[in-house]
PDB file of N, CA and C in Angstrom:
ATOM      1  N   GLN A   1     166.269  65.057 137.755  1.00  0.00           N
ATOM      2  CA  GLN A   1     165.241  65.994 137.301  1.00  0.00           C
ATOM      3  C   GLN A   1     164.876  65.674 135.854  1.00  0.00           C
ATOM      4  N   VAL A   2     163.612  65.886 135.566  1.00  0.00           N
ATOM      5  CA  VAL A   2     163.090  65.644 134.221  1.00  0.00           C
ATOM      6  C   VAL A   2     162.646  66.972 133.634  1.00  0.00           C
ATOM      7  N   GLN A   3     163.075  67.240 132.409  1.00  0.00           N
ATOM      8  CA  GLN A   3     162.630  68.443 131.708  1.00  0.00           C
ATOM      9  C   GLN A   3     161.508  68.062 130.738  1.00  0.00           C
ATOM     10  N   LEU A   4     160.458  68.882 130.742  1.00  0.00           N
ATOM     11  CA  LEU A   4     159.282  68.609 129.921  1.00  0.00           C
ATOM     12  C   LEU A   4     158.951  69.825 129.076  1.00  0.00           C
ATOM     13  N   VAL A   5     158.691  69.598 127.794  1.00  0.00           N
ATOM     14  CA  VAL A   5     158.347  70.684 126.879  1.00  0.00           C
ATOM     15  C   VAL A   5     157.085  70.306 126.115  1.00  0.00           C
ATOM     16  N   GLU A   6     156.025  71.102 126.319  1.00  0.00           N
ATOM     17  CA  GLU A   6     154.759  70.853 125.629  1.00  0.00           C
ATOM     18  C   GLU A   6     154.698  71.594 124.307  1.00  0.00           C
ATOM     19  N   SER A   7     153.882  71.076 123.403  1.00  0.00           N
ATOM     20  CA  SER A   7     153.604  71.751 122.141  1.00  0.00           C
ATOM     21  C   SER A   7     152.259  71.269 121.620  1.00  0.00           C
ATOM     22  N   GLY A   8     151.735  71.987 120.623  1.00  0.00           N
ATOM     23  CA  GLY A   8     150.522  71.536 119.962  1.00  0.00           C
ATOM     24  C   GLY A   8     149.264  72.308 120.309  1.00  0.00           C
ATOM     25  N   GLY A   9     149.362  73.258 121.228  1.00  0.00           N
ATOM     26  CA  GLY A   9     148.177  74.038 121.560  1.00  0.00           C
ATOM     27  C   GLY A   9     147.801  74.998 120.448  1.00  0.00           C
ATOM     28  N   GLY A  10     146.650  75.647 120.612  1.00  0.00           N
ATOM     29  CA  GLY A  10     146.216  76.608 119.609  1.00  0.00           C
ATOM     30  C   GLY A  10     144.747  76.918 119.732  1.00  0.00           C
ATOM     31  N   LEU A  11     144.224  77.552 118.700  1.00  0.00           N
ATOM     32  CA  LEU A  11     142.814  77.921 118.633  1.00  0.00           C
ATOM     33  C   LEU A  11     142.081  76.928 117.741  1.00  0.00           C
ATOM     34  N   VAL A  12     140.964  76.420 118.233  1.00  0.00           N
ATOM     35  CA  VAL A  12     140.188  75.448 117.463  1.00  0.00           C
ATOM     36  C   VAL A  12     138.711  75.726 117.688  1.00  0.00           C
ATOM     37  N   GLN A  13     137.897  75.414 116.693  1.00  0.00           N
ATOM     38  CA  GLN A  13     136.454  75.615 116.823  1.00  0.00           C
ATOM     39  C   GLN A  13     135.831  74.491 117.646  1.00  0.00           C
ATOM     40  N   PRO A  14     134.703  74.758 118.282  1.00  0.00           N
ATOM     41  CA  PRO A  14     133.989  73.691 119.001  1.00  0.00           C
ATOM     42  C   PRO A  14     133.739  72.493 118.085  1.00  0.00           C
ATOM     43  N   GLY A  15     133.966  71.300 118.637  1.00  0.00           N
ATOM     44  CA  GLY A  15     133.834  70.078 117.856  1.00  0.00           C
ATOM     45  C   GLY A  15     135.108  69.647 117.171  1.00  0.00           C
ATOM     46  N   GLY A  16     136.110  70.497 117.187  1.00  0.00           N
ATOM     47  CA  GLY A  16     137.375  70.191 116.539  1.00  0.00           C
ATOM     48  C   GLY A  16     138.301  69.340 117.397  1.00  0.00           C
ATOM     49  N   SER A  17     139.498  69.108 116.868  1.00  0.00           N
ATOM     50  CA  SER A  17     140.482  68.258 117.535  1.00  0.00           C
ATOM     51  C   SER A  17     141.844  68.939 117.587  1.00  0.00           C
ATOM     52  N   LEU A  18     142.610  68.569 118.597  1.00  0.00           N
ATOM     53  CA  LEU A  18     144.000  68.971 118.730  1.00  0.00           C
ATOM     54  C   LEU A  18     144.767  67.815 119.336  1.00  0.00           C
ATOM     55  N   ARG A  19     146.051  67.747 119.044  1.00  0.00           N
ATOM     56  CA  ARG A  19     146.916  66.778 119.714  1.00  0.00           C
ATOM     57  C   ARG A  19     148.063  67.526 120.366  1.00  0.00           C
ATOM     58  N   LEU A  20     148.160  67.377 121.683  1.00  0.00           N
ATOM     59  CA  LEU A  20     149.254  67.965 122.437  1.00  0.00           C
ATOM     60  C   LEU A  20     150.374  66.946 122.571  1.00  0.00           C
ATOM     61  N   SER A  21     151.603  67.450 122.553  1.00  0.00           N
ATOM     62  CA  SER A  21     152.775  66.604 122.740  1.00  0.00           C
ATOM     63  C   SER A  21     153.582  67.123 123.917  1.00  0.00           C
ATOM     64  N   CYS A  22     154.262  66.204 124.592  1.00  0.00           N
ATOM     65  CA  CYS A  22     155.135  66.570 125.703  1.00  0.00           C
ATOM     66  C   CYS A  22     156.407  65.739 125.575  1.00  0.00           C
ATOM     67  N   ALA A  23     157.505  66.417 125.280  1.00  0.00           N
ATOM     68  CA  ALA A  23     158.784  65.742 125.114  1.00  0.00           C
ATOM     69  C   ALA A  23     159.570  65.794 126.417  1.00  0.00           C
ATOM     70  N   ALA A  24     160.031  64.641 126.869  1.00  0.00           N
ATOM     71  CA  ALA A  24     160.780  64.537 128.121  1.00  0.00           C
ATOM     72  C   ALA A  24     162.266  64.360 127.846  1.00  0.00           C
ATOM     73  N   SER A  25     163.080  64.962 128.694  1.00  0.00           N
ATOM     74  CA  SER A  25     164.525  64.789 128.609  1.00  0.00           C
ATOM     75  C   SER A  25     165.096  64.844 130.022  1.00  0.00           C
ATOM     76  N   GLY A  26     166.363  64.532 130.153  1.00  0.00           N
ATOM     77  CA  GLY A  26     166.994  64.537 131.469  1.00  0.00           C
ATOM     78  C   GLY A  26     166.975  63.137 132.070  1.00  0.00           C
ATOM     79  N   SER A  27     166.618  63.023 133.335  1.00  0.00           N
ATOM     80  CA  SER A  27     166.637  61.746 134.049  1.00  0.00           C
ATOM     81  C   SER A  27     165.371  60.945 133.745  1.00  0.00           C
ATOM     82  N   ILE A  28     165.227  60.557 132.479  1.00  0.00           N
ATOM     83  CA  ILE A  28     163.986  59.910 132.051  1.00  0.00           C
ATOM     84  C   ILE A  28     163.841  58.500 132.588  1.00  0.00           C
ATOM     85  N   SER A  29     164.922  57.928 133.126  1.00  0.00           N
ATOM     86  CA  SER A  29     164.815  56.575 133.673  1.00  0.00           C
ATOM     87  C   SER A  29     163.932  56.546 134.910  1.00  0.00           C
ATOM     88  N   VAL A  30     163.721  57.708 135.551  1.00  0.00           N
ATOM     89  CA  VAL A  30     162.902  57.726 136.760  1.00  0.00           C
ATOM     90  C   VAL A  30     161.435  58.003 136.456  1.00  0.00           C
ATOM     91  N   ILE A  31     161.105  58.183 135.181  1.00  0.00           N
ATOM     92  CA  ILE A  31     159.717  58.480 134.812  1.00  0.00           C
ATOM     93  C   ILE A  31     158.815  57.331 135.220  1.00  0.00           C
ATOM     94  N   SER A  32     157.764  57.658 135.984  1.00  0.00           N
ATOM     95  CA  SER A  32     156.852  56.619 136.437  1.00  0.00           C
ATOM     96  C   SER A  32     155.442  56.851 135.914  1.00  0.00           C
ATOM     97  N   VAL A  33     154.874  57.996 136.260  1.00  0.00           N
ATOM     98  CA  VAL A  33     153.524  58.323 135.826  1.00  0.00           C
ATOM     99  C   VAL A  33     153.553  59.689 135.156  1.00  0.00           C
ATOM    100  N   MET A  34     153.083  59.734 133.932  1.00  0.00           N
ATOM    101  CA  MET A  34     152.984  60.992 133.203  1.00  0.00           C
ATOM    102  C   MET A  34     151.538  61.432 133.204  1.00  0.00           C
ATOM    103  N   ALA A  35     151.341  62.733 133.282  1.00  0.00           N
ATOM    104  CA  ALA A  35     149.980  63.253 133.369  1.00  0.00           C
ATOM    105  C   ALA A  35     149.844  64.568 132.620  1.00  0.00           C
ATOM    106  N   TRP A  36     148.617  64.851 132.241  1.00  0.00           N
ATOM    107  CA  TRP A  36     148.244  66.159 131.702  1.00  0.00           C
ATOM    108  C   TRP A  36     147.285  66.818 132.691  1.00  0.00           C
ATOM    109  N   TYR A  37     147.575  68.054 133.026  1.00  0.00           N
ATOM    110  CA  TYR A  37     146.703  68.880 133.841  1.00  0.00           C
ATOM    111  C   TYR A  37     146.271  70.089 132.999  1.00  0.00           C
ATOM    112  N   ARG A  38     145.267  70.788 133.470  1.00  0.00           N
ATOM    113  CA  ARG A  38     144.881  72.029 132.829  1.00  0.00           C
ATOM    114  C   ARG A  38     144.413  73.032 133.870  1.00  0.00           C
ATOM    115  N   GLN A  39     144.547  74.311 133.519  1.00  0.00           N
ATOM    116  CA  GLN A  39     144.090  75.372 134.405  1.00  0.00           C
ATOM    117  C   GLN A  39     143.436  76.454 133.575  1.00  0.00           C
ATOM    118  N   ALA A  40     142.159  76.654 133.835  1.00  0.00           N
ATOM    119  CA  ALA A  40     141.396  77.711 133.180  1.00  0.00           C
ATOM    120  C   ALA A  40     141.490  78.984 134.016  1.00  0.00           C
ATOM    121  N   PRO A  41     141.277  80.144 133.404  1.00  0.00           N
ATOM    122  CA  PRO A  41     141.347  81.402 134.149  1.00  0.00           C
ATOM    123  C   PRO A  41     140.421  81.403 135.348  1.00  0.00           C
ATOM    124  N   GLY A  42     140.961  81.746 136.511  1.00  0.00           N
ATOM    125  CA  GLY A  42     140.166  81.824 137.721  1.00  0.00           C
ATOM    126  C   GLY A  42     139.821  80.496 138.358  1.00  0.00           C
ATOM    127  N   LYS A  43     140.366  79.409 137.821  1.00  0.00           N
ATOM    128  CA  LYS A  43     140.052  78.080 138.357  1.00  0.00           C
ATOM    129  C   LYS A  43     141.324  77.382 138.820  1.00  0.00           C
ATOM    130  N   ARG A  44     141.130  76.351 139.642  1.00  0.00           N
ATOM    131  CA  ARG A  44     142.249  75.571 140.124  1.00  0.00           C
ATOM    132  C   ARG A  44     142.751  74.638 139.022  1.00  0.00           C
ATOM    133  N   ARG A  45     144.030  74.298 139.114  1.00  0.00           N
ATOM    134  CA  ARG A  45     144.586  73.330 138.177  1.00  0.00           C
ATOM    135  C   ARG A  45     143.929  71.977 138.448  1.00  0.00           C
ATOM    136  N   GLU A  46     143.558  71.267 137.372  1.00  0.00           N
ATOM    137  CA  GLU A  46     142.887  69.988 137.524  1.00  0.00           C
ATOM    138  C   GLU A  46     143.556  68.919 136.664  1.00  0.00           C
ATOM    139  N   LEU A  47     143.497  67.687 137.170  1.00  0.00           N
ATOM    140  CA  LEU A  47     144.026  66.555 136.430  1.00  0.00           C
ATOM    141  C   LEU A  47     143.098  66.224 135.266  1.00  0.00           C
ATOM    142  N   VAL A  48     143.684  66.061 134.089  1.00  0.00           N
ATOM    143  CA  VAL A  48     142.914  65.696 132.903  1.00  0.00           C
ATOM    144  C   VAL A  48     143.060  64.206 132.618  1.00  0.00           C
ATOM    145  N   ALA A  49     144.303  63.726 132.598  1.00  0.00           N
ATOM    146  CA  ALA A  49     144.560  62.317 132.290  1.00  0.00           C
ATOM    147  C   ALA A  49     145.953  61.951 132.775  1.00  0.00           C
ATOM    148  N   ARG A  50     146.153  60.653 133.046  1.00  0.00           N
ATOM    149  CA  ARG A  50     147.472  60.181 133.433  1.00  0.00           C
ATOM    150  C   ARG A  50     147.681  58.774 132.896  1.00  0.00           C
ATOM    151  N   ILE A  51     148.960  58.423 132.751  1.00  0.00           N
ATOM    152  CA  ILE A  51     149.305  57.109 132.217  1.00  0.00           C
ATOM    153  C   ILE A  51     150.527  56.596 132.960  1.00  0.00           C
ATOM    154  N   THR A  52     150.485  55.316 133.359  1.00  0.00           N
ATOM    155  CA  THR A  52     151.598  54.710 134.065  1.00  0.00           C
ATOM    156  C   THR A  52     152.589  54.116 133.072  1.00  0.00           C
ATOM    157  N   GLY A  53     153.739  53.686 133.590  1.00  0.00           N
ATOM    158  CA  GLY A  53     154.717  53.032 132.739  1.00  0.00           C
ATOM    159  C   GLY A  53     154.188  51.752 132.119  1.00  0.00           C
ATOM    160  N   GLY A  54     153.221  51.128 132.801  1.00  0.00           N
ATOM    161  CA  GLY A  54     152.619  49.911 132.285  1.00  0.00           C
ATOM    162  C   GLY A  54     151.487  50.154 131.306  1.00  0.00           C
ATOM    163  N   GLY A  55     151.146  51.427 131.097  1.00  0.00           N
ATOM    164  CA  GLY A  55     150.121  51.757 130.121  1.00  0.00           C
ATOM    165  C   GLY A  55     148.721  51.933 130.677  1.00  0.00           C
ATOM    166  N   SER A  56     148.552  51.826 131.990  1.00  0.00           N
ATOM    167  CA  SER A  56     147.238  52.054 132.584  1.00  0.00           C
ATOM    168  C   SER A  56     146.903  53.542 132.526  1.00  0.00           C
ATOM    169  N   THR A  57     145.653  53.841 132.237  1.00  0.00           N
ATOM    170  CA  THR A  57     145.238  55.230 132.071  1.00  0.00           C
ATOM    171  C   THR A  57     144.053  55.580 132.959  1.00  0.00           C
ATOM    172  N   ASP A  58     143.982  56.849 133.317  1.00  0.00           N
ATOM    173  CA  ASP A  58     142.846  57.406 134.045  1.00  0.00           C
ATOM    174  C   ASP A  58     142.489  58.740 133.417  1.00  0.00           C
ATOM    175  N   TYR A  59     141.207  59.065 133.436  1.00  0.00           N
ATOM    176  CA  TYR A  59     140.729  60.314 132.860  1.00  0.00           C
ATOM    177  C   TYR A  59     139.756  60.990 133.815  1.00  0.00           C
ATOM    178  N   SER A  60     139.708  62.314 133.734  1.00  0.00           N
ATOM    179  CA  SER A  60     138.683  63.019 134.475  1.00  0.00           C
ATOM    180  C   SER A  60     137.336  62.754 133.805  1.00  0.00           C
ATOM    181  N   VAL A  61     136.281  62.879 134.579  1.00  0.00           N
ATOM    182  CA  VAL A  61     134.942  62.614 134.054  1.00  0.00           C
ATOM    183  C   VAL A  61     134.618  63.546 132.892  1.00  0.00           C
ATOM    184  N   SER A  62     135.112  64.772 132.973  1.00  0.00           N
ATOM    185  CA  SER A  62     134.761  65.773 131.974  1.00  0.00           C
ATOM    186  C   SER A  62     135.362  65.494 130.593  1.00  0.00           C
ATOM    187  N   VAL A  63     136.413  64.678 130.519  1.00  0.00           N
ATOM    188  CA  VAL A  63     137.056  64.431 129.220  1.00  0.00           C
ATOM    189  C   VAL A  63     136.978  62.975 128.775  1.00  0.00           C
ATOM    190  N   LYS A  64     136.522  62.092 129.657  1.00  0.00           N
ATOM    191  CA  LYS A  64     136.503  60.666 129.330  1.00  0.00           C
ATOM    192  C   LYS A  64     135.657  60.419 128.088  1.00  0.00           C
ATOM    193  N   GLY A  65     136.206  59.656 127.167  1.00  0.00           N
ATOM    194  CA  GLY A  65     135.513  59.377 125.913  1.00  0.00           C
ATOM    195  C   GLY A  65     135.848  60.355 124.809  1.00  0.00           C
ATOM    196  N   ARG A  66     136.465  61.481 125.165  1.00  0.00           N
ATOM    197  CA  ARG A  66     136.834  62.489 124.163  1.00  0.00           C
ATOM    198  C   ARG A  66     138.342  62.641 124.021  1.00  0.00           C
ATOM    199  N   PHE A  67     139.071  62.477 125.130  1.00  0.00           N
ATOM    200  CA  PHE A  67     140.523  62.640 125.151  1.00  0.00           C
ATOM    201  C   PHE A  67     141.195  61.280 125.305  1.00  0.00           C
ATOM    202  N   THR A  68     142.390  61.158 124.721  1.00  0.00           N
ATOM    203  CA  THR A  68     143.169  59.933 124.853  1.00  0.00           C
ATOM    204  C   THR A  68     144.628  60.288 125.141  1.00  0.00           C
ATOM    205  N   ILE A  69     145.156  59.717 126.224  1.00  0.00           N
ATOM    206  CA  ILE A  69     146.566  59.902 126.573  1.00  0.00           C
ATOM    207  C   ILE A  69     147.343  58.684 126.093  1.00  0.00           C
ATOM    208  N   SER A  70     148.532  58.932 125.562  1.00  0.00           N
ATOM    209  CA  SER A  70     149.353  57.825 125.072  1.00  0.00           C
ATOM    210  C   SER A  70     150.820  58.230 125.147  1.00  0.00           C
ATOM    211  N   THR A  71     151.689  57.238 125.022  1.00  0.00           N
ATOM    212  CA  THR A  71     153.123  57.505 125.050  1.00  0.00           C
ATOM    213  C   THR A  71     153.810  56.854 123.853  1.00  0.00           C
ATOM    214  N   GLU A  72     154.920  57.421 123.471  1.00  0.00           N
ATOM    215  CA  GLU A  72     155.793  56.842 122.459  1.00  0.00           C
ATOM    216  C   GLU A  72     157.176  56.783 123.103  1.00  0.00           C
ATOM    217  N   ASN A  73     157.479  55.641 123.697  1.00  0.00           N
ATOM    218  CA  ASN A  73     158.681  55.530 124.520  1.00  0.00           C
ATOM    219  C   ASN A  73     159.967  55.802 123.748  1.00  0.00           C
ATOM    220  N   ALA A  74     159.991  55.391 122.489  1.00  0.00           N
ATOM    221  CA  ALA A  74     161.199  55.595 121.691  1.00  0.00           C
ATOM    222  C   ALA A  74     161.534  57.080 121.555  1.00  0.00           C
ATOM    223  N   LYS A  75     160.510  57.916 121.639  1.00  0.00           N
ATOM    224  CA  LYS A  75     160.717  59.356 121.511  1.00  0.00           C
ATOM    225  C   LYS A  75     160.583  60.070 122.853  1.00  0.00           C
ATOM    226  N   ASN A  76     160.398  59.296 123.947  1.00  0.00           N
ATOM    227  CA  ASN A  76     160.218  59.892 125.275  1.00  0.00           C
ATOM    228  C   ASN A  76     159.156  60.989 125.239  1.00  0.00           C
ATOM    229  N   THR A  77     158.053  60.667 124.620  1.00  0.00           N
ATOM    230  CA  THR A  77     157.002  61.655 124.403  1.00  0.00           C
ATOM    231  C   THR A  77     155.660  61.117 124.872  1.00  0.00           C
ATOM    232  N   VAL A  78     154.881  61.984 125.488  1.00  0.00           N
ATOM    233  CA  VAL A  78     153.510  61.651 125.858  1.00  0.00           C
ATOM    234  C   VAL A  78     152.582  62.581 125.093  1.00  0.00           C
ATOM    235  N   TYR A  79     151.459  62.034 124.639  1.00  0.00           N
ATOM    236  CA  TYR A  79     150.523  62.778 123.831  1.00  0.00           C
ATOM    237  C   TYR A  79     149.163  62.892 124.534  1.00  0.00           C
ATOM    238  N   LEU A  80     148.422  63.908 124.151  1.00  0.00           N
ATOM    239  CA  LEU A  80     147.025  64.026 124.566  1.00  0.00           C
ATOM    240  C   LEU A  80     146.221  64.351 123.310  1.00  0.00           C
ATOM    241  N   GLN A  81     145.509  63.358 122.800  1.00  0.00           N
ATOM    242  CA  GLN A  81     144.627  63.558 121.656  1.00  0.00           C
ATOM    243  C   GLN A  81     143.289  64.052 122.176  1.00  0.00           C
ATOM    244  N   MET A  82     142.871  65.216 121.724  1.00  0.00           N
ATOM    245  CA  MET A  82     141.640  65.832 122.216  1.00  0.00           C
ATOM    246  C   MET A  82     140.660  65.964 121.064  1.00  0.00           C
ATOM    247  N   ASN A  83     139.546  65.276 121.176  1.00  0.00           N
ATOM    248  CA  ASN A  83     138.496  65.300 120.148  1.00  0.00           C
ATOM    249  C   ASN A  83     137.226  65.919 120.718  1.00  0.00           C
ATOM    250  N   SER A  84     136.330  66.307 119.840  1.00  0.00           N
ATOM    251  CA  SER A  84     135.034  66.880 120.240  1.00  0.00           C
ATOM    252  C   SER A  84     135.220  67.982 121.271  1.00  0.00           C
ATOM    253  N   LEU A  85     136.133  68.881 120.974  1.00  0.00           N
ATOM    254  CA  LEU A  85     136.473  69.924 121.937  1.00  0.00           C
ATOM    255  C   LEU A  85     135.300  70.869 122.187  1.00  0.00           C
ATOM    256  N   LYS A  86     135.209  71.335 123.425  1.00  0.00           N
ATOM    257  CA  LYS A  86     134.156  72.236 123.864  1.00  0.00           C
ATOM    258  C   LYS A  86     134.776  73.536 124.383  1.00  0.00           C
ATOM    259  N   PRO A  87     134.014  74.609 124.395  1.00  0.00           N
ATOM    260  CA  PRO A  87     134.560  75.862 124.930  1.00  0.00           C
ATOM    261  C   PRO A  87     135.085  75.721 126.360  1.00  0.00           C
ATOM    262  N   GLU A  88     134.463  74.868 127.152  1.00  0.00           N
ATOM    263  CA  GLU A  88     134.917  74.673 128.531  1.00  0.00           C
ATOM    264  C   GLU A  88     136.235  73.913 128.638  1.00  0.00           C
ATOM    265  N   ASP A  89     136.753  73.420 127.520  1.00  0.00           N
ATOM    266  CA  ASP A  89     138.093  72.812 127.515  1.00  0.00           C
ATOM    267  C   ASP A  89     139.190  73.871 127.404  1.00  0.00           C
ATOM    268  N   THR A  90     138.800  75.119 127.199  1.00  0.00           N
ATOM    269  CA  THR A  90     139.781  76.200 127.092  1.00  0.00           C
ATOM    270  C   THR A  90     140.571  76.331 128.383  1.00  0.00           C
ATOM    271  N   ALA A  91     141.892  76.260 128.280  1.00  0.00           N
ATOM    272  CA  ALA A  91     142.761  76.308 129.450  1.00  0.00           C
ATOM    273  C   ALA A  91     144.221  76.265 128.997  1.00  0.00           C
ATOM    274  N   VAL A  92     145.106  76.486 129.941  1.00  0.00           N
ATOM    275  CA  VAL A  92     146.513  76.169 129.725  1.00  0.00           C
ATOM    276  C   VAL A  92     146.720  74.720 130.148  1.00  0.00           C
ATOM    277  N   TYR A  93     147.300  73.935 129.267  1.00  0.00           N
ATOM    278  CA  TYR A  93     147.512  72.516 129.531  1.00  0.00           C
ATOM    279  C   TYR A  93     148.981  72.281 129.885  1.00  0.00           C
ATOM    280  N   TYR A  94     149.178  71.545 130.971  1.00  0.00           N
ATOM    281  CA  TYR A  94     150.519  71.271 131.482  1.00  0.00           C
ATOM    282  C   TYR A  94     150.794  69.773 131.491  1.00  0.00           C
ATOM    283  N   CYS A  95     152.006  69.431 131.137  1.00  0.00           N
ATOM    284  CA  CYS A  95     152.492  68.069 131.236  1.00  0.00           C
ATOM    285  C   CYS A  95     153.251  67.929 132.553  1.00  0.00           C
ATOM    286  N   SER A  96     153.136  66.768 133.181  1.00  0.00           N
ATOM    287  CA  SER A  96     153.810  66.565 134.462  1.00  0.00           C
ATOM    288  C   SER A  96     154.289  65.133 134.603  1.00  0.00           C
ATOM    289  N   GLU A  97     155.415  64.977 135.285  1.00  0.00           N
ATOM    290  CA  GLU A  97     155.889  63.655 135.704  1.00  0.00           C
ATOM    291  C   GLU A  97     155.713  63.615 137.210  1.00  0.00           C
ATOM    292  N   LEU A  98     154.881  62.702 137.677  1.00  0.00           N
ATOM    293  CA  LEU A  98     154.403  62.776 139.047  1.00  0.00           C
ATOM    294  C   LEU A  98     155.438  62.359 140.085  1.00  0.00           C
ATOM    295  N   LEU A  99     156.319  61.411 139.775  1.00  0.00           N
ATOM    296  CA  LEU A  99     157.278  60.950 140.769  1.00  0.00           C
ATOM    297  C   LEU A  99     158.251  62.051 141.147  1.00  0.00           C
ATOM    298  N   THR A 100     158.731  62.794 140.147  1.00  0.00           N
ATOM    299  CA  THR A 100     159.703  63.853 140.395  1.00  0.00           C
ATOM    300  C   THR A 100     159.052  65.222 140.535  1.00  0.00           C
ATOM    301  N   ASP A 101     157.720  65.277 140.377  1.00  0.00           N
ATOM    302  CA  ASP A 101     156.994  66.557 140.435  1.00  0.00           C
ATOM    303  C   ASP A 101     157.595  67.545 139.434  1.00  0.00           C
ATOM    304  N   SER A 102     157.841  67.068 138.227  1.00  0.00           N
ATOM    305  CA  SER A 102     158.376  67.908 137.159  1.00  0.00           C
ATOM    306  C   SER A 102     157.216  68.422 136.310  1.00  0.00           C
ATOM    307  N   TRP A 103     157.347  69.681 135.835  1.00  0.00           N
ATOM    308  CA  TRP A 103     156.268  70.316 135.080  1.00  0.00           C
ATOM    309  C   TRP A 103     156.833  71.013 133.845  1.00  0.00           C
ATOM    310  N   GLY A 104     156.034  71.025 132.806  1.00  0.00           N
ATOM    311  CA  GLY A 104     156.369  71.811 131.639  1.00  0.00           C
ATOM    312  C   GLY A 104     155.884  73.240 131.804  1.00  0.00           C
ATOM    313  N   GLN A 105     156.109  74.043 130.768  1.00  0.00           N
ATOM    314  CA  GLN A 105     155.767  75.466 130.851  1.00  0.00           C
ATOM    315  C   GLN A 105     154.303  75.729 130.503  1.00  0.00           C
ATOM    316  N   GLY A 106     153.640  74.742 129.924  1.00  0.00           N
ATOM    317  CA  GLY A 106     152.234  74.878 129.564  1.00  0.00           C
ATOM    318  C   GLY A 106     152.041  75.292 128.118  1.00  0.00           C
ATOM    319  N   THR A 107     150.892  74.911 127.566  1.00  0.00           N
ATOM    320  CA  THR A 107     150.517  75.306 126.211  1.00  0.00           C
ATOM    321  C   THR A 107     149.040  75.686 126.217  1.00  0.00           C
ATOM    322  N   GLN A 108     148.723  76.793 125.572  1.00  0.00           N
ATOM    323  CA  GLN A 108     147.360  77.317 125.601  1.00  0.00           C
ATOM    324  C   GLN A 108     146.481  76.599 124.590  1.00  0.00           C
ATOM    325  N   VAL A 109     145.318  76.180 125.044  1.00  0.00           N
ATOM    326  CA  VAL A 109     144.288  75.622 124.168  1.00  0.00           C
ATOM    327  C   VAL A 109     143.049  76.507 124.297  1.00  0.00           C
ATOM    328  N   THR A 110     142.590  77.032 123.179  1.00  0.00           N
ATOM    329  CA  THR A 110     141.406  77.881 123.157  1.00  0.00           C
ATOM    330  C   THR A 110     140.391  77.288 122.198  1.00  0.00           C
ATOM    331  N   VAL A 111     139.192  77.028 122.717  1.00  0.00           N
ATOM    332  CA  VAL A 111     138.114  76.465 121.908  1.00  0.00           C
ATOM    333  C   VAL A 111     137.048  77.547 121.762  1.00  0.00           C
ATOM    334  N   SER A 112     136.927  78.067 120.556  1.00  0.00           N
ATOM    335  CA  SER A 112     136.016  79.191 120.332  1.00  0.00           C
ATOM    336  C   SER A 112     135.660  79.276 118.860  1.00  0.00           C
ATOM    337  N   SER A 113     134.441  79.739 118.602  1.00  0.00           N
ATOM    338  CA  SER A 113     134.022  79.957 117.224  1.00  0.00           C
ATOM    339  C   SER A 113     134.287  81.402 116.812  1.00  0.00           C
TER     340      SER A 113
END
């Protein structure tokens, strides 16, 4: 099992930036694909971005060009750099390890003036 803890959420104005972090611990040797999901009120959870152990990345159409997923293996941490934030990016953001179906507790991101 992999334990995941997110941090870095908060309130930001439209056009601003935030960087989310997700620290992994436990059976990290089985980590294969790390991903960020988000869930807005009344909506289904959706994939935002994912990154493989080899560094390949995928993004949802709604965030491509604005968000960047990356990892720092020495710290067992995955990041989500979010730029040019929009009100529709408001959601709870979750970190996940897809092979073990492990999830963090989520961190709230609110984009509002």
